[in-house]
C-alpha atoms as a PDB file:
ATOM      1  CA  UNK A   1     -18.783  -2.797   9.719  1.00  0.00           C
ATOM      2  CA  UNK A   2     -22.185  -3.080  10.391  1.00  0.00           C
ATOM      3  CA  UNK A   3     -23.646  -5.282   6.637  1.00  0.00           C
ATOM      4  CA  UNK A   4     -23.606  -9.058   7.084  1.00  0.00           C
ATOM      5  CA  UNK A   5     -20.292 -10.958   5.881  1.00  0.00           C
ATOM      6  CA  UNK A   6     -18.344  -7.751   5.960  1.00  0.00           C
ATOM      7  CA  UNK A   7     -14.761  -8.340   7.624  1.00  0.00           C
ATOM      8  CA  UNK A   8     -13.366  -5.058   6.302  1.00  0.00           C
ATOM      9  CA  UNK A   9     -12.901  -1.730   4.408  1.00  0.00           C
ATOM     10  CA  UNK A  10     -10.805   1.120   3.075  1.00  0.00           C
ATOM     11  CA  UNK A  11     -12.201   4.057   0.817  1.00  0.00           C
ATOM     12  CA  UNK A  12     -12.085   2.023  -2.025  1.00  0.00           C
ATOM     13  CA  UNK A  13     -13.445  -0.999  -1.442  1.00  0.00           C
ATOM     14  CA  UNK A  14     -14.766  -3.939   0.756  1.00  0.00           C
ATOM     15  CA  UNK A  15     -13.679  -6.983   1.572  1.00  0.00           C
ATOM     16  CA  UNK A  16     -16.726  -9.838   2.667  1.00  0.00           C
ATOM     17  CA  UNK A  17     -17.143 -13.130   3.732  1.00  0.00           C
ATOM     18  CA  UNK A  18     -17.041 -15.807   0.641  1.00  0.00           C
ATOM     19  CA  UNK A  19     -16.903 -19.011   2.208  1.00  0.00           C
ATOM     20  CA  UNK A  20     -14.171 -21.142   4.605  1.00  0.00           C
ATOM     21  CA  UNK A  21     -10.893 -19.669   3.913  1.00  0.00           C
ATOM     22  CA  UNK A  22     -11.973 -17.069   1.438  1.00  0.00           C
ATOM     23  CA  UNK A  23     -12.751 -13.461   0.858  1.00  0.00           C
ATOM     24  CA  UNK A  24     -14.563 -11.463  -1.359  1.00  0.00           C
ATOM     25  CA  UNK A  25     -13.471  -8.118  -2.418  1.00  0.00           C
ATOM     26  CA  UNK A  26     -15.473  -5.445  -4.317  1.00  0.00           C
ATOM     27  CA  UNK A  27     -14.788  -1.670  -5.310  1.00  0.00           C
ATOM     28  CA  UNK A  28     -17.561   1.163  -3.619  1.00  0.00           C
ATOM     29  CA  UNK A  29     -18.286   2.093  -7.165  1.00  0.00           C
ATOM     30  CA  UNK A  30     -18.577  -0.412  -9.660  1.00  0.00           C
ATOM     31  CA  UNK A  31     -15.268  -1.422 -11.446  1.00  0.00           C
ATOM     32  CA  UNK A  32     -13.131  -4.133 -12.950  1.00  0.00           C
ATOM     33  CA  UNK A  33     -10.905  -5.860 -10.725  1.00  0.00           C
ATOM     34  CA  UNK A  34      -9.226  -7.896 -12.854  1.00  0.00           C
ATOM     35  CA  UNK A  35      -6.124  -5.719 -13.629  1.00  0.00           C
ATOM     36  CA  UNK A  36      -5.690  -5.524  -9.505  1.00  0.00           C
ATOM     37  CA  UNK A  37      -6.218  -9.563  -9.520  1.00  0.00           C
ATOM     38  CA  UNK A  38      -3.581 -10.312 -12.191  1.00  0.00           C
ATOM     39  CA  UNK A  39      -1.138  -8.024 -10.456  1.00  0.00           C
ATOM     40  CA  UNK A  40      -1.516 -10.131  -7.573  1.00  0.00           C
ATOM     41  CA  UNK A  41      -1.104 -12.898  -9.013  1.00  0.00           C
ATOM     42  CA  UNK A  42       2.029 -11.473 -11.031  1.00  0.00           C
ATOM     43  CA  UNK A  43       3.910 -10.586  -7.701  1.00  0.00           C
ATOM     44  CA  UNK A  44       2.700 -13.949  -6.263  1.00  0.00           C
ATOM     45  CA  UNK A  45       4.470 -16.117  -9.214  1.00  0.00           C
ATOM     46  CA  UNK A  46       7.907 -13.962  -8.050  1.00  0.00           C
ATOM     47  CA  UNK A  47       7.596 -15.132  -4.356  1.00  0.00           C
ATOM     48  CA  UNK A  48       5.877 -11.583  -3.239  1.00  0.00           C
ATOM     49  CA  UNK A  49       3.608 -12.681  -0.206  1.00  0.00           C
ATOM     50  CA  UNK A  50       0.038 -11.691  -1.766  1.00  0.00           C
ATOM     51  CA  UNK A  51      -3.189 -13.208  -1.241  1.00  0.00           C
ATOM     52  CA  UNK A  52      -4.033 -16.184  -3.514  1.00  0.00           C
ATOM     53  CA  UNK A  53      -6.626 -14.666  -5.809  1.00  0.00           C
ATOM     54  CA  UNK A  54      -9.303 -17.911  -6.893  1.00  0.00           C
ATOM     55  CA  UNK A  55     -11.458 -16.337  -9.073  1.00  0.00           C
ATOM     56  CA  UNK A  56     -12.890 -13.185 -10.537  1.00  0.00           C
ATOM     57  CA  UNK A  57     -16.541 -12.632 -11.100  1.00  0.00           C
ATOM     58  CA  UNK A  58     -18.993 -10.588 -11.900  1.00  0.00           C
ATOM     59  CA  UNK A  59     -17.441  -9.300 -15.160  1.00  0.00           C
ATOM     60  CA  UNK A  60     -13.930  -8.462 -13.609  1.00  0.00           C
ATOM     61  CA  UNK A  61     -16.438  -6.730 -10.390  1.00  0.00           C
ATOM     62  CA  UNK A  62     -14.835  -8.487  -7.586  1.00  0.00           C
ATOM     63  CA  UNK A  63     -11.909 -11.070  -6.580  1.00  0.00           C
ATOM     64  CA  UNK A  64     -12.271 -14.167  -4.819  1.00  0.00           C
ATOM     65  CA  UNK A  65      -9.199 -14.581  -2.830  1.00  0.00           C
ATOM     66  CA  UNK A  66      -7.441 -16.251   0.102  1.00  0.00           C
ATOM     67  CA  UNK A  67      -8.584 -14.932   3.926  1.00  0.00           C
ATOM     68  CA  UNK A  68      -5.262 -13.444   5.423  1.00  0.00           C
ATOM     69  CA  UNK A  69      -6.446 -13.004   9.627  1.00  0.00           C
ATOM     70  CA  UNK A  70      -3.811 -10.728  11.597  1.00  0.00           C
ATOM     71  CA  UNK A  71      -3.207  -7.193  13.024  1.00  0.00           C
ATOM     72  CA  UNK A  72      -1.790  -4.791  10.120  1.00  0.00           C
ATOM     73  CA  UNK A  73       1.366  -3.697  10.152  1.00  0.00           C
ATOM     74  CA  UNK A  74      -0.317   0.193  11.833  1.00  0.00           C
ATOM     75  CA  UNK A  75      -1.825  -2.051  14.510  1.00  0.00           C
ATOM     76  CA  UNK A  76       1.363  -3.984  15.077  1.00  0.00           C
ATOM     77  CA  UNK A  77       2.996  -0.832  15.850  1.00  0.00           C
ATOM     78  CA  UNK A  78       0.138   1.016  17.785  1.00  0.00           C
ATOM     79  CA  UNK A  79       0.700  -2.131  20.328  1.00  0.00           C
ATOM     80  CA  UNK A  80       4.590  -2.040  20.453  1.00  0.00           C
ATOM     81  CA  UNK A  81       5.830   1.665  19.657  1.00  0.00           C
ATOM     82  CA  UNK A  82       9.376   0.668  20.575  1.00  0.00           C
ATOM     83  CA  UNK A  83       9.019  -1.964  17.229  1.00  0.00           C
ATOM     84  CA  UNK A  84       9.248   0.792  15.129  1.00  0.00           C
ATOM     85  CA  UNK A  85      12.725  -0.509  13.538  1.00  0.00           C
ATOM     86  CA  UNK A  86      11.131  -3.866  13.080  1.00  0.00           C
ATOM     87  CA  UNK A  87       7.963  -1.905  10.946  1.00  0.00           C
ATOM     88  CA  UNK A  88      10.290  -0.205   8.732  1.00  0.00           C
ATOM     89  CA  UNK A  89      12.558  -3.110   8.231  1.00  0.00           C
ATOM     90  CA  UNK A  90       9.082  -4.958   7.151  1.00  0.00           C
ATOM     91  CA  UNK A  91       7.833  -1.900   5.211  1.00  0.00           C
ATOM     92  CA  UNK A  92      11.517  -2.194   3.270  1.00  0.00           C
ATOM     93  CA  UNK A  93      11.816  -5.635   2.526  1.00  0.00           C
ATOM     94  CA  UNK A  94       8.323  -5.984   0.855  1.00  0.00           C
ATOM     95  CA  UNK A  95       9.377  -3.202  -1.441  1.00  0.00           C
ATOM     96  CA  UNK A  96      12.564  -4.887  -2.103  1.00  0.00           C
ATOM     97  CA  UNK A  97      10.537  -8.256  -3.024  1.00  0.00           C
ATOM     98  CA  UNK A  98       8.215  -5.956  -5.191  1.00  0.00           C
ATOM     99  CA  UNK A  99      10.908  -4.324  -6.653  1.00  0.00           C
ATOM    100  CA  UNK A 100      12.258  -7.041  -8.179  1.00  0.00           C
ATOM    101  CA  UNK A 101       9.555  -8.597  -9.849  1.00  0.00           C
ATOM    102  CA  UNK A 102      10.181  -7.896 -13.672  1.00  0.00           C
ATOM    103  CA  UNK A 103       6.816  -5.645 -15.080  1.00  0.00           C
ATOM    104  CA  UNK A 104       5.281  -6.518 -18.561  1.00  0.00           C
ATOM    105  CA  UNK A 105       4.104  -3.879 -20.697  1.00  0.00           C
ATOM    106  CA  UNK A 106       0.157  -4.267 -19.435  1.00  0.00           C
ATOM    107  CA  UNK A 107       0.900  -2.802 -16.039  1.00  0.00           C
ATOM    108  CA  UNK A 108       0.325   0.615 -16.416  1.00  0.00           C
ATOM    109  CA  UNK A 109       3.395   3.023 -16.259  1.00  0.00           C
ATOM    110  CA  UNK A 110       4.364   5.396 -13.299  1.00  0.00           C
ATOM    111  CA  UNK A 111       7.638   6.258 -15.070  1.00  0.00           C
ATOM    112  CA  UNK A 112       9.104   9.669 -13.689  1.00  0.00           C
ATOM    113  CA  UNK A 113      10.702  11.843 -16.117  1.00  0.00           C
ATOM    114  CA  UNK A 114      11.603   9.268 -18.463  1.00  0.00           C
ATOM    115  CA  UNK A 115      13.301   7.181 -15.527  1.00  0.00           C
ATOM    116  CA  UNK A 116      11.921   3.632 -15.373  1.00  0.00           C
ATOM    117  CA  UNK A 117      13.502   0.421 -14.540  1.00  0.00           C
ATOM    118  CA  UNK A 118      10.844  -1.793 -15.560  1.00  0.00           C
ATOM    119  CA  UNK A 119      10.123  -3.363 -12.424  1.00  0.00           C
ATOM    120  CA  UNK A 120       6.591  -3.952 -10.651  1.00  0.00           C
ATOM    121  CA  UNK A 121       5.100  -1.147  -8.194  1.00  0.00           C
ATOM    122  CA  UNK A 122       2.865  -1.376  -5.817  1.00  0.00           C
ATOM    123  CA  UNK A 123       1.894   2.288  -5.379  1.00  0.00           C
ATOM    124  CA  UNK A 124      -0.140   1.951  -1.906  1.00  0.00           C
ATOM    125  CA  UNK A 125       2.513   0.364   0.505  1.00  0.00           C
ATOM    126  CA  UNK A 126       2.088   1.661   3.771  1.00  0.00           C
ATOM    127  CA  UNK A 127       1.592  -0.059   7.413  1.00  0.00           C
ATOM    128  CA  UNK A 128      -2.639  -0.706   6.840  1.00  0.00           C
ATOM    129  CA  UNK A 129      -1.657  -2.013   3.702  1.00  0.00           C
ATOM    130  CA  UNK A 130       0.588  -5.294   5.356  1.00  0.00           C
ATOM    131  CA  UNK A 131      -0.942  -8.268   7.169  1.00  0.00           C
ATOM    132  CA  UNK A 132       0.493  -9.469  10.442  1.00  0.00           C
ATOM    133  CA  UNK A 133      -0.113 -13.106   9.117  1.00  0.00           C
ATOM    134  CA  UNK A 134       0.608 -15.881  11.227  1.00  0.00           C
ATOM    135  CA  UNK A 135       3.269 -16.900   8.371  1.00  0.00           C
ATOM    136  CA  UNK A 136       4.903 -13.855   8.297  1.00  0.00           C
ATOM    137  CA  UNK A 137       4.128 -10.560   6.731  1.00  0.00           C
ATOM    138  CA  UNK A 138       1.145 -10.253   3.871  1.00  0.00           C
ATOM    139  CA  UNK A 139       1.097  -7.284   1.246  1.00  0.00           C
ATOM    140  CA  UNK A 140      -2.859  -6.425   0.033  1.00  0.00           C
ATOM    141  CA  UNK A 141      -4.186  -3.708  -1.613  1.00  0.00           C
ATOM    142  CA  UNK A 142      -2.703  -3.726  -5.885  1.00  0.00           C
ATOM    143  CA  UNK A 143      -5.384  -1.428  -6.977  1.00  0.00           C
ATOM    144  CA  UNK A 144      -2.742   1.594  -8.101  1.00  0.00           C
ATOM    145  CA  UNK A 145       0.110  -0.952  -8.992  1.00  0.00           C
ATOM    146  CA  UNK A 146       2.121  -0.590 -11.897  1.00  0.00           C
ATOM    147  CA  UNK A 147       5.926  -0.108 -13.628  1.00  0.00           C
ATOM    148  CA  UNK A 148       8.225   1.680 -13.614  1.00  0.00           C
ATOM    149  CA  UNK A 149      11.031   3.469 -10.999  1.00  0.00           C
ATOM    150  CA  UNK A 150      11.542   1.199  -7.012  1.00  0.00           C
ATOM    151  CA  UNK A 151      12.404   4.606  -6.616  1.00  0.00           C
ATOM    152  CA  UNK A 152       8.443   6.039  -7.112  1.00  0.00           C
ATOM    153  CA  UNK A 153       7.181   3.644  -5.101  1.00  0.00           C
ATOM    154  CA  UNK A 154       9.616   4.224  -2.135  1.00  0.00           C
ATOM    155  CA  UNK A 155       9.141   8.044  -2.391  1.00  0.00           C
ATOM    156  CA  UNK A 156       5.077   7.280  -2.486  1.00  0.00           C
ATOM    157  CA  UNK A 157       5.231   5.216   1.204  1.00  0.00           C
ATOM    158  CA  UNK A 158       7.503   7.996   2.670  1.00  0.00           C
ATOM    159  CA  UNK A 159       4.021  10.351   1.358  1.00  0.00           C
ATOM    160  CA  UNK A 160       1.830   7.976   2.872  1.00  0.00           C
ATOM    161  CA  UNK A 161       2.850   7.589   5.966  1.00  0.00           C
ATOM    162  CA  UNK A 162       4.106  11.413   6.075  1.00  0.00           C
ATOM    163  CA  UNK A 163       0.911  12.933   4.997  1.00  0.00           C
ATOM    164  CA  UNK A 164      -1.941   9.997   5.387  1.00  0.00           C
ATOM    165  CA  UNK A 165      -4.998  11.387   7.824  1.00  0.00           C
ATOM    166  CA  UNK A 166      -4.987   9.002  10.591  1.00  0.00           C
ATOM    167  CA  UNK A 167      -7.489   6.081  10.603  1.00  0.00           C
ATOM    168  CA  UNK A 168     -10.693   6.335  12.666  1.00  0.00           C
ATOM    169  CA  UNK A 169     -10.102   5.817  15.827  1.00  0.00           C
ATOM    170  CA  UNK A 170      -9.764   6.852  19.739  1.00  0.00           C
ATOM    171  CA  UNK A 171      -8.057   9.925  20.071  1.00  0.00           C
ATOM    172  CA  UNK A 172      -4.857   8.526  22.216  1.00  0.00           C
ATOM    173  CA  UNK A 173      -4.777   6.201  19.279  1.00  0.00           C
ATOM    174  CA  UNK A 174      -4.716   9.068  16.475  1.00  0.00           C
ATOM    175  CA  UNK A 175      -2.435  10.821  18.453  1.00  0.00           C
ATOM    176  CA  UNK A 176       0.524   8.109  18.669  1.00  0.00           C
ATOM    177  CA  UNK A 177       0.022   7.775  14.494  1.00  0.00           C
ATOM    178  CA  UNK A 178       0.682  11.298  14.226  1.00  0.00           C
ATOM    179  CA  UNK A 179       3.565  11.285  17.283  1.00  0.00           C
ATOM    180  CA  UNK A 180       5.467   8.841  15.534  1.00  0.00           C
ATOM    181  CA  UNK A 181       4.821   9.258  11.803  1.00  0.00           C
ATOM    182  CA  UNK A 182       7.902  11.013  11.483  1.00  0.00           C
ATOM    183  CA  UNK A 183      10.127   9.137  13.077  1.00  0.00           C
ATOM    184  CA  UNK A 184       8.832   5.851  11.005  1.00  0.00           C
ATOM    185  CA  UNK A 185       9.801   7.535   7.418  1.00  0.00           C
ATOM    186  CA  UNK A 186      13.193   8.303   8.653  1.00  0.00           C
ATOM    187  CA  UNK A 187      13.673   4.437   9.826  1.00  0.00           C
ATOM    188  CA  UNK A 188      12.008   3.710   6.580  1.00  0.00           C
ATOM    189  CA  UNK A 189      14.088   5.603   4.279  1.00  0.00           C
ATOM    190  CA  UNK A 190      17.476   4.272   5.668  1.00  0.00           C
ATOM    191  CA  UNK A 191      16.287   1.184   4.512  1.00  0.00           C
ATOM    192  CA  UNK A 192      16.411   2.698   0.782  1.00  0.00           C
ATOM    193  CA  UNK A 193      18.758   4.632  -2.106  1.00  0.00           C
ATOM    194  CA  UNK A 194      17.860   8.072  -0.286  1.00  0.00           C
ATOM    195  CA  UNK A 195      19.068   9.998  -3.321  1.00  0.00           C
ATOM    196  CA  UNK A 196      16.459   8.324  -5.638  1.00  0.00           C
ATOM    197  CA  UNK A 197      14.052   8.761  -3.369  1.00  0.00           C
ATOM    198  CA  UNK A 198      14.615  12.430  -3.400  1.00  0.00           C
ATOM    199  CA  UNK A 199      14.653  12.868  -6.577  1.00  0.00           C
ATOM    200  CA  UNK A 200      11.298  10.774  -7.103  1.00  0.00           C
ATOM    201  CA  UNK A 201       9.714  12.561  -4.466  1.00  0.00           C
ATOM    202  CA  UNK A 202       7.359  15.720  -6.597  1.00  0.00           C
ATOM    203  CA  UNK A 203       6.558  12.890  -8.605  1.00  0.00           C
ATOM    204  CA  UNK A 204       5.171  10.789  -6.354  1.00  0.00           C
ATOM    205  CA  UNK A 205       3.651  13.809  -4.750  1.00  0.00           C
ATOM    206  CA  UNK A 206       1.685  14.124  -8.055  1.00  0.00           C
ATOM    207  CA  UNK A 207       0.675  10.896  -8.554  1.00  0.00           C
ATOM    208  CA  UNK A 208      -0.538  10.847  -5.127  1.00  0.00           C
ATOM    209  CA  UNK A 209      -2.102  14.657  -5.200  1.00  0.00           C
ATOM    210  CA  UNK A 210      -3.795  13.189  -8.623  1.00  0.00           C
ATOM    211  CA  UNK A 211      -5.395  10.074  -6.144  1.00  0.00           C
ATOM    212  CA  UNK A 212      -8.872   9.925  -6.196  1.00  0.00           C
ATOM    213  CA  UNK A 213      -8.998   8.900  -2.703  1.00  0.00           C
ATOM    214  CA  UNK A 214      -6.540  11.815  -1.596  1.00  0.00           C
ATOM    215  CA  UNK A 215      -8.159  14.393   0.749  1.00  0.00           C
ATOM    216  CA  UNK A 216      -7.760  17.974   0.601  1.00  0.00           C
ATOM    217  CA  UNK A 217      -5.950  17.437   4.280  1.00  0.00           C
ATOM    218  CA  UNK A 218      -3.805  15.144   2.720  1.00  0.00           C
ATOM    219  CA  UNK A 219      -2.912  17.374  -0.381  1.00  0.00           C
ATOM    220  CA  UNK A 220      -2.491  20.337   1.782  1.00  0.00           C
ATOM    221  CA  UNK A 221       0.044  17.868   3.867  1.00  0.00           C
ATOM    222  CA  UNK A 222       1.989  17.052   0.607  1.00  0.00           C
ATOM    223  CA  UNK A 223       2.413  20.444  -0.120  1.00  0.00           C
ATOM    224  CA  UNK A 224       3.979  21.493   3.010  1.00  0.00           C
ATOM    225  CA  UNK A 225       6.165  18.178   3.207  1.00  0.00           C
ATOM    226  CA  UNK A 226       7.432  19.024  -0.654  1.00  0.00           C
ATOM    227  CA  UNK A 227       8.006  22.654   0.525  1.00  0.00           C
ATOM    228  CA  UNK A 228      10.242  21.304   3.460  1.00  0.00           C
ATOM    229  CA  UNK A 229      12.449  19.025   1.500  1.00  0.00           C
ATOM    230  CA  UNK A 230      13.333  21.478  -1.048  1.00  0.00           C
END
């Protein structure tokens, strides 16, 4: 993060300082972020803990929003690997909060073989997208938000934890992520309706495989996960 004012970045976007208590999100490839801003405000209106959107700039290409400081949920578990149950509980509670939000028709559909509960989906809910702020966990990165069945969201969280490449870091950090991901998945799935999540897994896998930010290694890992789950 050598650019002036850069405070965070992911595969898809970069976050810059934007004055006291604010940050500005810009996609790496120019595109409108207005949809993401609208999804965030929808979720926030129903009590889901998300950063407050202050402004959409540059014809939708930038979102100015509340700055949320704190470690990610992944950082938290790396420091306290004995707290995996807490991590799974946090993810489950956030998923429940999201899936209680009725989804308007302007959200992109993520139906699974005709199953559509008509609820909001985050579709990228994993420990790197949860910030453990002083006021509590905050769910970020709503670019993939949609509507459909909560089980699809739950299955995607399973896939993201189980098959995602560890973030850049030291060998010890990456080894810890790899070692604990299986247990984290099992603990998370205990908070869900396992039968519906199992049924949604192939559809969720297809969504992830087709994602523009999914690596070849992750696609291979997803294929292995599907084979093991049969």
